Amino acid sequence: MTERASLSAYRKAFDVLERVDGVSGVSGFKGRLTEALCQVYGVRSATFFVGRSAGLACFDPDPVVEGITRRMLPEYQAQWRDHDIFASPGALRALNETRVASLSELARLHGPARSYVSDYLLRHGIRSATAMYLRLEDGNKALVGLFDPQEDRLRREHLVSLRLLVGPLNQIAHTLPSDDPGRAATLTDLSPRQREVALLVGQGLDNTEIAEVLHLTPASVKKYVTRILAVSGLTTRTQLALHATREL
């Protein structure tokens, strides 16, 4: 990368930091950051998903979505979040190592990940996708996405700039109290099948016993419990059991 490109990368990173400076809580940080990413990097959309891990962030029931992917969100939540390319093993390895991963860097796509790109992103005209991995103060993780119809919208110097951003953004995020009432633990958004599983967890059944009752495999029940925790904002099976006895 040339000296001029390097200087541009630093300038863009500082510009984003200036725009998020002074936020007082996580909800303000999410909104300010997604707006800043769109404006500074010229992408048509930015998203902010939160979960107990990068993979579980895909199940955030109420993410912040800025720009053109807002219209894609219902389809994503109904059909594609299980197959999100940035929750694939290769992407998670890259995010853990460098905190930023782009679609162009994840060259070898297999199975569901390939379908997510061809049948979801490309079908909606999205040809550029990049994710950042942040750590929040309350132990949650954030996947911040940048999306655009132009394939080369984010070039190498832009990815360098985003990687420069991760450290300072993590420092900011670690100082912010959670002020988002939408993150309060609740079981109101569960599907009928998820409610059945949650009720049985509340009755003290383990995964094998629940599988027998619902005619599922224990592995399927485990996936349901994981998704319920992500959707509800709960973090442990014990918390789920307590909430299920009170709410369901």
C-alpha atoms as a PDB file:
ATOM      1  CA  MET A   1       0.000   0.000   0.000  1.00  0.00           C
ATOM      2  CA  THR A   2       1.341   3.414  -0.960  1.00  0.00           C
ATOM      3  CA  GLU A   3       2.052   6.182   1.542  1.00  0.00           C
ATOM      4  CA  ARG A   4      -0.886   8.153   0.156  1.00  0.00           C
ATOM      5  CA  ALA A   5      -3.257   5.197   0.572  1.00  0.00           C
ATOM      6  CA  SER A   6      -1.942   4.631   4.097  1.00  0.00           C
ATOM      7  CA  LEU A   7      -2.614   8.262   4.995  1.00  0.00           C
ATOM      8  CA  SER A   8      -6.144   7.970   3.569  1.00  0.00           C
ATOM      9  CA  ALA A   9      -6.755   4.838   5.679  1.00  0.00           C
ATOM     10  CA  TYR A  10      -5.785   6.701   8.860  1.00  0.00           C
ATOM     11  CA  ARG A  11      -7.891   9.721   7.924  1.00  0.00           C
ATOM     12  CA  LYS A  12     -10.996   7.616   7.386  1.00  0.00           C
ATOM     13  CA  ALA A  13     -10.482   5.827  10.706  1.00  0.00           C
ATOM     14  CA  PHE A  14     -10.068   9.121  12.562  1.00  0.00           C
ATOM     15  CA  ASP A  15     -13.138  10.529  10.800  1.00  0.00           C
ATOM     16  CA  VAL A  16     -15.284   7.649  12.071  1.00  0.00           C
ATOM     17  CA  LEU A  17     -13.900   8.035  15.605  1.00  0.00           C
ATOM     18  CA  GLU A  18     -14.712  11.748  15.576  1.00  0.00           C
ATOM     19  CA  ARG A  19     -18.283  10.997  14.535  1.00  0.00           C
ATOM     20  CA  VAL A  20     -18.873   8.487  17.373  1.00  0.00           C
ATOM     21  CA  ASP A  21     -17.127  10.627  19.981  1.00  0.00           C
ATOM     22  CA  GLY A  22     -19.359  11.708  22.833  1.00  0.00           C
ATOM     23  CA  VAL A  23     -22.027   8.982  22.651  1.00  0.00           C
ATOM     24  CA  SER A  24     -23.425   8.175  26.099  1.00  0.00           C
ATOM     25  CA  GLY A  25     -24.677   4.611  25.680  1.00  0.00           C
ATOM     26  CA  VAL A  26     -24.574   1.494  23.538  1.00  0.00           C
ATOM     27  CA  SER A  27     -27.759   2.294  21.608  1.00  0.00           C
ATOM     28  CA  GLY A  28     -26.382   5.703  20.593  1.00  0.00           C
ATOM     29  CA  PHE A  29     -23.051   4.102  19.697  1.00  0.00           C
ATOM     30  CA  LYS A  30     -24.746   1.590  17.384  1.00  0.00           C
ATOM     31  CA  GLY A  31     -26.707   4.226  15.532  1.00  0.00           C
ATOM     32  CA  ARG A  32     -23.843   6.708  15.288  1.00  0.00           C
ATOM     33  CA  LEU A  33     -21.357   4.065  14.118  1.00  0.00           C
ATOM     34  CA  THR A  34     -23.532   2.596  11.362  1.00  0.00           C
ATOM     35  CA  GLU A  35     -24.268   6.082  10.054  1.00  0.00           C
ATOM     36  CA  ALA A  36     -20.590   7.045  10.185  1.00  0.00           C
ATOM     37  CA  LEU A  37     -19.472   3.912   8.325  1.00  0.00           C
ATOM     38  CA  CYS A  38     -21.904   4.621   5.498  1.00  0.00           C
ATOM     39  CA  GLN A  39     -20.807   8.233   5.207  1.00  0.00           C
ATOM     40  CA  VAL A  40     -17.048   7.792   5.568  1.00  0.00           C
ATOM     41  CA  TYR A  41     -16.580   4.640   3.466  1.00  0.00           C
ATOM     42  CA  GLY A  42     -19.338   5.397   0.965  1.00  0.00           C
ATOM     43  CA  VAL A  43     -21.176   2.090   1.446  1.00  0.00           C
ATOM     44  CA  ARG A  44     -24.916   1.908   0.872  1.00  0.00           C
ATOM     45  CA  SER A  45     -25.664   0.023   4.082  1.00  0.00           C
ATOM     46  CA  ALA A  46     -24.245  -0.775   7.524  1.00  0.00           C
ATOM     47  CA  THR A  47     -25.607  -3.080  10.233  1.00  0.00           C
ATOM     48  CA  PHE A  48     -24.930  -3.689  13.940  1.00  0.00           C
ATOM     49  CA  PHE A  49     -25.859  -7.122  15.369  1.00  0.00           C
ATOM     50  CA  VAL A  50     -25.240  -8.094  19.009  1.00  0.00           C
ATOM     51  CA  GLY A  51     -24.986 -11.532  20.679  1.00  0.00           C
ATOM     52  CA  ARG A  52     -23.077 -13.541  23.243  1.00  0.00           C
ATOM     53  CA  SER A  53     -20.663 -14.554  20.460  1.00  0.00           C
ATOM     54  CA  ALA A  54     -20.002 -13.477  16.888  1.00  0.00           C
ATOM     55  CA  GLY A  55     -22.013 -16.450  15.639  1.00  0.00           C
ATOM     56  CA  LEU A  56     -24.959 -15.784  17.947  1.00  0.00           C
ATOM     57  CA  ALA A  57     -25.011 -12.116  16.947  1.00  0.00           C
ATOM     58  CA  CYS A  58     -26.709 -13.222  13.716  1.00  0.00           C
ATOM     59  CA  PHE A  59     -29.780 -14.033  15.818  1.00  0.00           C
ATOM     60  CA  ASP A  60     -30.125 -10.513  17.226  1.00  0.00           C
ATOM     61  CA  PRO A  61     -33.912  -9.895  17.015  1.00  0.00           C
ATOM     62  CA  ASP A  62     -33.544  -6.107  16.866  1.00  0.00           C
ATOM     63  CA  PRO A  63     -30.346  -5.081  15.057  1.00  0.00           C
ATOM     64  CA  VAL A  64     -29.531  -1.566  13.886  1.00  0.00           C
ATOM     65  CA  VAL A  65     -29.726  -1.470  10.089  1.00  0.00           C
ATOM     66  CA  GLU A  66     -28.771   1.621   8.089  1.00  0.00           C
ATOM     67  CA  GLY A  67     -29.413   1.834   4.356  1.00  0.00           C
ATOM     68  CA  ILE A  68     -30.517  -0.553   1.630  1.00  0.00           C
ATOM     69  CA  THR A  69     -30.274  -3.839   3.555  1.00  0.00           C
ATOM     70  CA  ARG A  70     -33.159  -2.732   5.817  1.00  0.00           C
ATOM     71  CA  ARG A  71     -35.624  -4.149   3.298  1.00  0.00           C
ATOM     72  CA  MET A  72     -33.697  -7.457   3.322  1.00  0.00           C
ATOM     73  CA  LEU A  73     -33.885  -7.917   7.101  1.00  0.00           C
ATOM     74  CA  PRO A  74     -37.201  -9.854   7.333  1.00  0.00           C
ATOM     75  CA  GLU A  75     -35.995 -12.413   4.781  1.00  0.00           C
ATOM     76  CA  TYR A  76     -32.627 -12.649   6.562  1.00  0.00           C
ATOM     77  CA  GLN A  77     -34.248 -13.335   9.939  1.00  0.00           C
ATOM     78  CA  ALA A  78     -36.710 -15.853   8.515  1.00  0.00           C
ATOM     79  CA  GLN A  79     -34.384 -17.797   6.246  1.00  0.00           C
ATOM     80  CA  TRP A  80     -30.721 -16.852   6.142  1.00  0.00           C
ATOM     81  CA  ARG A  81     -29.276 -16.087   9.571  1.00  0.00           C
ATOM     82  CA  ASP A  82     -28.445 -19.784  10.073  1.00  0.00           C
ATOM     83  CA  HIS A  83     -26.265 -19.573   6.962  1.00  0.00           C
ATOM     84  CA  ASP A  84     -24.661 -16.136   7.304  1.00  0.00           C
ATOM     85  CA  ILE A  85     -21.226 -16.238   5.664  1.00  0.00           C
ATOM     86  CA  PHE A  86     -19.738 -14.266   8.556  1.00  0.00           C
ATOM     87  CA  ALA A  87     -20.814 -16.950  11.042  1.00  0.00           C
ATOM     88  CA  SER A  88     -19.051 -19.682   9.035  1.00  0.00           C
ATOM     89  CA  PRO A  89     -15.967 -21.312  10.618  1.00  0.00           C
ATOM     90  CA  GLY A  90     -13.569 -19.665   8.155  1.00  0.00           C
ATOM     91  CA  ALA A  91     -15.019 -16.211   8.725  1.00  0.00           C
ATOM     92  CA  LEU A  92     -15.022 -16.623  12.502  1.00  0.00           C
ATOM     93  CA  ARG A  93     -11.348 -17.610  12.406  1.00  0.00           C
ATOM     94  CA  ALA A  94     -10.554 -14.515  10.343  1.00  0.00           C
ATOM     95  CA  LEU A  95     -12.604 -12.276  12.639  1.00  0.00           C
ATOM     96  CA  ASN A  96     -10.870 -13.640  15.723  1.00  0.00           C
ATOM     97  CA  GLU A  97      -7.465 -13.043  14.133  1.00  0.00           C
ATOM     98  CA  THR A  98      -7.857  -9.676  12.406  1.00  0.00           C
ATOM     99  CA  ARG A  99     -11.305  -8.437  13.606  1.00  0.00           C
ATOM    100  CA  VAL A 100     -12.295  -7.659   9.997  1.00  0.00           C
ATOM    101  CA  ALA A 101     -13.271 -10.077   7.212  1.00  0.00           C
ATOM    102  CA  SER A 102     -14.531  -9.317   3.715  1.00  0.00           C
ATOM    103  CA  LEU A 103     -16.447 -11.413   1.240  1.00  0.00           C
ATOM    104  CA  SER A 104     -13.578 -11.101  -1.236  1.00  0.00           C
ATOM    105  CA  GLU A 105     -11.175 -12.585   1.344  1.00  0.00           C
ATOM    106  CA  LEU A 106     -13.420 -15.602   1.983  1.00  0.00           C
ATOM    107  CA  ALA A 107     -12.725 -17.103  -1.412  1.00  0.00           C
ATOM    108  CA  ARG A 108     -13.640 -20.716  -0.735  1.00  0.00           C
ATOM    109  CA  LEU A 109     -17.357 -20.980  -0.064  1.00  0.00           C
ATOM    110  CA  HIS A 110     -19.079 -24.287   0.557  1.00  0.00           C
ATOM    111  CA  GLY A 111     -22.641 -25.467   1.063  1.00  0.00           C
ATOM    112  CA  PRO A 112     -24.919 -23.054   2.923  1.00  0.00           C
ATOM    113  CA  ALA A 113     -22.361 -20.235   2.794  1.00  0.00           C
ATOM    114  CA  ARG A 114     -22.261 -20.386  -0.996  1.00  0.00           C
ATOM    115  CA  SER A 115     -26.056 -20.337  -1.106  1.00  0.00           C
ATOM    116  CA  TYR A 116     -26.152 -17.343   1.262  1.00  0.00           C
ATOM    117  CA  VAL A 117     -23.992 -15.379  -1.151  1.00  0.00           C
ATOM    118  CA  SER A 118     -25.595 -16.461  -4.446  1.00  0.00           C
ATOM    119  CA  ASP A 119     -29.241 -16.806  -3.409  1.00  0.00           C
ATOM    120  CA  TYR A 120     -29.436 -13.998  -0.875  1.00  0.00           C
ATOM    121  CA  LEU A 121     -26.771 -11.298  -1.218  1.00  0.00           C
ATOM    122  CA  LEU A 122     -26.314 -11.411  -4.996  1.00  0.00           C
ATOM    123  CA  ARG A 123     -30.043 -11.860  -5.631  1.00  0.00           C
ATOM    124  CA  HIS A 124     -30.570  -8.554  -3.820  1.00  0.00           C
ATOM    125  CA  GLY A 125     -27.731  -6.896  -5.721  1.00  0.00           C
ATOM    126  CA  ILE A 126     -25.223  -6.920  -2.827  1.00  0.00           C
ATOM    127  CA  ARG A 127     -21.724  -7.641  -4.190  1.00  0.00           C
ATOM    128  CA  SER A 128     -19.564  -6.191  -1.436  1.00  0.00           C
ATOM    129  CA  ALA A 129     -19.833  -7.383   2.172  1.00  0.00           C
ATOM    130  CA  THR A 130     -17.430  -6.850   5.060  1.00  0.00           C
ATOM    131  CA  ALA A 131     -17.789  -7.539   8.798  1.00  0.00           C
ATOM    132  CA  MET A 132     -16.063  -6.088  11.871  1.00  0.00           C
ATOM    133  CA  TYR A 133     -15.950  -7.913  15.223  1.00  0.00           C
ATOM    134  CA  LEU A 134     -16.264  -5.796  18.380  1.00  0.00           C
ATOM    135  CA  ARG A 135     -16.433  -6.602  22.099  1.00  0.00           C
ATOM    136  CA  LEU A 136     -18.981  -4.735  24.212  1.00  0.00           C
ATOM    137  CA  GLU A 137     -18.789  -3.806  27.897  1.00  0.00           C
ATOM    138  CA  ASP A 138     -21.431  -6.320  29.042  1.00  0.00           C
ATOM    139  CA  GLY A 139     -19.628  -9.330  27.555  1.00  0.00           C
ATOM    140  CA  ASN A 140     -21.660  -9.320  24.357  1.00  0.00           C
ATOM    141  CA  LYS A 141     -20.015  -9.332  20.952  1.00  0.00           C
ATOM    142  CA  ALA A 142     -20.978  -7.250  17.926  1.00  0.00           C
ATOM    143  CA  LEU A 143     -20.864  -8.022  14.222  1.00  0.00           C
ATOM    144  CA  VAL A 144     -20.831  -4.760  12.311  1.00  0.00           C
ATOM    145  CA  GLY A 145     -21.486  -5.195   8.597  1.00  0.00           C
ATOM    146  CA  LEU A 146     -20.819  -2.949   5.582  1.00  0.00           C
ATOM    147  CA  PHE A 147     -22.690  -3.755   2.353  1.00  0.00           C
ATOM    148  CA  ASP A 148     -22.767  -2.270  -1.122  1.00  0.00           C
ATOM    149  CA  PRO A 149     -23.878  -3.167  -4.659  1.00  0.00           C
ATOM    150  CA  GLN A 150     -20.436  -2.237  -6.059  1.00  0.00           C
ATOM    151  CA  GLU A 151     -18.063  -5.188  -5.798  1.00  0.00           C
ATOM    152  CA  ASP A 152     -14.897  -3.122  -5.314  1.00  0.00           C
ATOM    153  CA  ARG A 153     -16.440  -0.508  -3.036  1.00  0.00           C
ATOM    154  CA  LEU A 154     -14.083  -1.443  -0.182  1.00  0.00           C
ATOM    155  CA  ARG A 155     -10.538  -1.796  -1.457  1.00  0.00           C
ATOM    156  CA  ARG A 156      -7.425  -2.944   0.399  1.00  0.00           C
ATOM    157  CA  GLU A 157      -6.769   0.450   1.986  1.00  0.00           C
ATOM    158  CA  HIS A 158     -10.346   0.527   3.268  1.00  0.00           C
ATOM    159  CA  LEU A 159      -9.907  -2.855   4.958  1.00  0.00           C
ATOM    160  CA  VAL A 160      -6.673  -1.573   6.501  1.00  0.00           C
ATOM    161  CA  SER A 161      -8.579   1.454   7.754  1.00  0.00           C
ATOM    162  CA  LEU A 162     -11.328  -0.702   9.267  1.00  0.00           C
ATOM    163  CA  ARG A 163      -8.719  -2.822  11.051  1.00  0.00           C
ATOM    164  CA  LEU A 164      -7.191   0.356  12.461  1.00  0.00           C
ATOM    165  CA  LEU A 165     -10.629   1.238  13.799  1.00  0.00           C
ATOM    166  CA  VAL A 166     -11.309  -1.950  15.740  1.00  0.00           C
ATOM    167  CA  GLY A 167      -9.007  -1.249  18.708  1.00  0.00           C
ATOM    168  CA  PRO A 168     -10.276   2.290  19.415  1.00  0.00           C
ATOM    169  CA  LEU A 169     -13.896   1.227  18.845  1.00  0.00           C
ATOM    170  CA  ASN A 170     -13.472  -1.608  21.350  1.00  0.00           C
ATOM    171  CA  GLN A 171     -12.109   0.874  23.897  1.00  0.00           C
ATOM    172  CA  ILE A 172     -15.108   3.139  23.369  1.00  0.00           C
ATOM    173  CA  ALA A 173     -17.592   0.243  23.523  1.00  0.00           C
ATOM    174  CA  HIS A 174     -16.078  -1.028  26.786  1.00  0.00           C
ATOM    175  CA  THR A 175     -16.804   2.284  28.493  1.00  0.00           C
ATOM    176  CA  LEU A 176     -20.470   2.513  27.473  1.00  0.00           C
ATOM    177  CA  PRO A 177     -23.312   1.294  29.705  1.00  0.00           C
ATOM    178  CA  SER A 178     -26.049  -0.753  28.093  1.00  0.00           C
ATOM    179  CA  ASP A 179     -29.024   1.591  27.694  1.00  0.00           C
ATOM    180  CA  ASP A 180     -31.047  -0.284  25.118  1.00  0.00           C
ATOM    181  CA  PRO A 181     -34.393  -1.455  26.561  1.00  0.00           C
ATOM    182  CA  GLY A 182     -34.819  -3.714  23.559  1.00  0.00           C
ATOM    183  CA  ARG A 183     -32.017  -5.895  24.909  1.00  0.00           C
ATOM    184  CA  ALA A 184     -33.971  -6.804  28.049  1.00  0.00           C
ATOM    185  CA  ALA A 185     -34.398 -10.550  28.364  1.00  0.00           C
ATOM    186  CA  THR A 186     -37.775 -11.712  27.054  1.00  0.00           C
ATOM    187  CA  LEU A 187     -39.356 -14.777  25.513  1.00  0.00           C
ATOM    188  CA  THR A 188     -42.067 -12.885  23.655  1.00  0.00           C
ATOM    189  CA  ASP A 189     -40.405 -13.191  20.221  1.00  0.00           C
ATOM    190  CA  LEU A 190     -40.079 -16.981  20.143  1.00  0.00           C
ATOM    191  CA  SER A 191     -41.541 -19.107  17.383  1.00  0.00           C
ATOM    192  CA  PRO A 192     -44.150 -21.752  18.390  1.00  0.00           C
ATOM    193  CA  ARG A 193     -41.534 -24.528  18.308  1.00  0.00           C
ATOM    194  CA  GLN A 194     -39.057 -22.442  20.301  1.00  0.00           C
ATOM    195  CA  ARG A 195     -41.775 -21.830  22.911  1.00  0.00           C
ATOM    196  CA  GLU A 196     -42.342 -25.595  23.193  1.00  0.00           C
ATOM    197  CA  VAL A 197     -38.635 -26.172  23.769  1.00  0.00           C
ATOM    198  CA  ALA A 198     -38.422 -23.311  26.291  1.00  0.00           C
ATOM    199  CA  LEU A 199     -41.422 -24.665  28.220  1.00  0.00           C
ATOM    200  CA  LEU A 200     -39.789 -28.081  28.515  1.00  0.00           C
ATOM    201  CA  VAL A 201     -36.515 -26.508  29.626  1.00  0.00           C
ATOM    202  CA  GLY A 202     -38.551 -24.705  32.288  1.00  0.00           C
ATOM    203  CA  GLN A 203     -39.910 -28.072  33.425  1.00  0.00           C
ATOM    204  CA  GLY A 204     -36.362 -29.274  34.023  1.00  0.00           C
ATOM    205  CA  LEU A 205     -35.999 -31.655  31.077  1.00  0.00           C
ATOM    206  CA  ASP A 206     -32.589 -32.141  29.491  1.00  0.00           C
ATOM    207  CA  ASN A 207     -31.982 -32.156  25.722  1.00  0.00           C
ATOM    208  CA  THR A 208     -32.426 -35.917  25.345  1.00  0.00           C
ATOM    209  CA  GLU A 209     -35.739 -35.857  27.209  1.00  0.00           C
ATOM    210  CA  ILE A 210     -36.977 -32.873  25.202  1.00  0.00           C
ATOM    211  CA  ALA A 211     -35.980 -34.658  21.992  1.00  0.00           C
ATOM    212  CA  GLU A 212     -38.124 -37.646  22.952  1.00  0.00           C
ATOM    213  CA  VAL A 213     -41.135 -35.478  23.745  1.00  0.00           C
ATOM    214  CA  LEU A 214     -40.937 -33.414  20.528  1.00  0.00           C
ATOM    215  CA  HIS A 215     -39.662 -36.215  18.263  1.00  0.00           C
ATOM    216  CA  LEU A 216     -36.431 -34.389  17.506  1.00  0.00           C
ATOM    217  CA  THR A 217     -32.771 -35.319  17.821  1.00  0.00           C
ATOM    218  CA  PRO A 218     -30.805 -34.081  20.861  1.00  0.00           C
ATOM    219  CA  ALA A 219     -28.586 -32.107  18.449  1.00  0.00           C
ATOM    220  CA  SER A 220     -31.643 -30.304  17.069  1.00  0.00           C
ATOM    221  CA  VAL A 221     -32.812 -29.468  20.586  1.00  0.00           C
ATOM    222  CA  LYS A 222     -29.372 -28.084  21.404  1.00  0.00           C
ATOM    223  CA  LYS A 223     -29.618 -25.796  18.349  1.00  0.00           C
ATOM    224  CA  TYR A 224     -33.074 -24.653  19.419  1.00  0.00           C
ATOM    225  CA  VAL A 225     -31.828 -23.794  22.911  1.00  0.00           C
ATOM    226  CA  THR A 226     -28.897 -21.866  21.451  1.00  0.00           C
ATOM    227  CA  ARG A 227     -31.222 -19.868  19.203  1.00  0.00           C
ATOM    228  CA  ILE A 228     -33.658 -19.205  22.051  1.00  0.00           C
ATOM    229  CA  LEU A 229     -30.857 -17.768  24.180  1.00  0.00           C
ATOM    230  CA  ALA A 230     -29.759 -15.540  21.297  1.00  0.00           C
ATOM    231  CA  VAL A 231     -33.264 -14.292  20.510  1.00  0.00           C
ATOM    232  CA  SER A 232     -34.258 -13.753  24.144  1.00  0.00           C
ATOM    233  CA  GLY A 233     -31.104 -12.016  25.357  1.00  0.00           C
ATOM    234  CA  LEU A 234     -30.567 -14.669  28.039  1.00  0.00           C
ATOM    235  CA  THR A 235     -27.140 -16.224  28.576  1.00  0.00           C
ATOM    236  CA  THR A 236     -27.642 -19.527  30.435  1.00  0.00           C
ATOM    237  CA  ARG A 237     -30.019 -22.476  30.466  1.00  0.00           C
ATOM    238  CA  THR A 238     -30.833 -21.720  34.103  1.00  0.00           C
ATOM    239  CA  GLN A 239     -31.952 -18.197  33.186  1.00  0.00           C
ATOM    240  CA  LEU A 240     -34.061 -19.648  30.381  1.00  0.00           C
ATOM    241  CA  ALA A 241     -35.753 -22.069  32.749  1.00  0.00           C
ATOM    242  CA  LEU A 242     -36.590 -19.285  35.198  1.00  0.00           C
ATOM    243  CA  HIS A 243     -37.981 -17.000  32.505  1.00  0.00           C
ATOM    244  CA  ALA A 244     -39.970 -19.856  30.935  1.00  0.00           C
ATOM    245  CA  THR A 245     -41.736 -20.609  34.235  1.00  0.00           C
ATOM    246  CA  ARG A 246     -42.653 -16.923  34.617  1.00  0.00           C
ATOM    247  CA  GLU A 247     -43.525 -15.941  31.050  1.00  0.00           C
ATOM    248  CA  LEU A 248     -44.843 -19.045  29.237  1.00  0.00           C
END
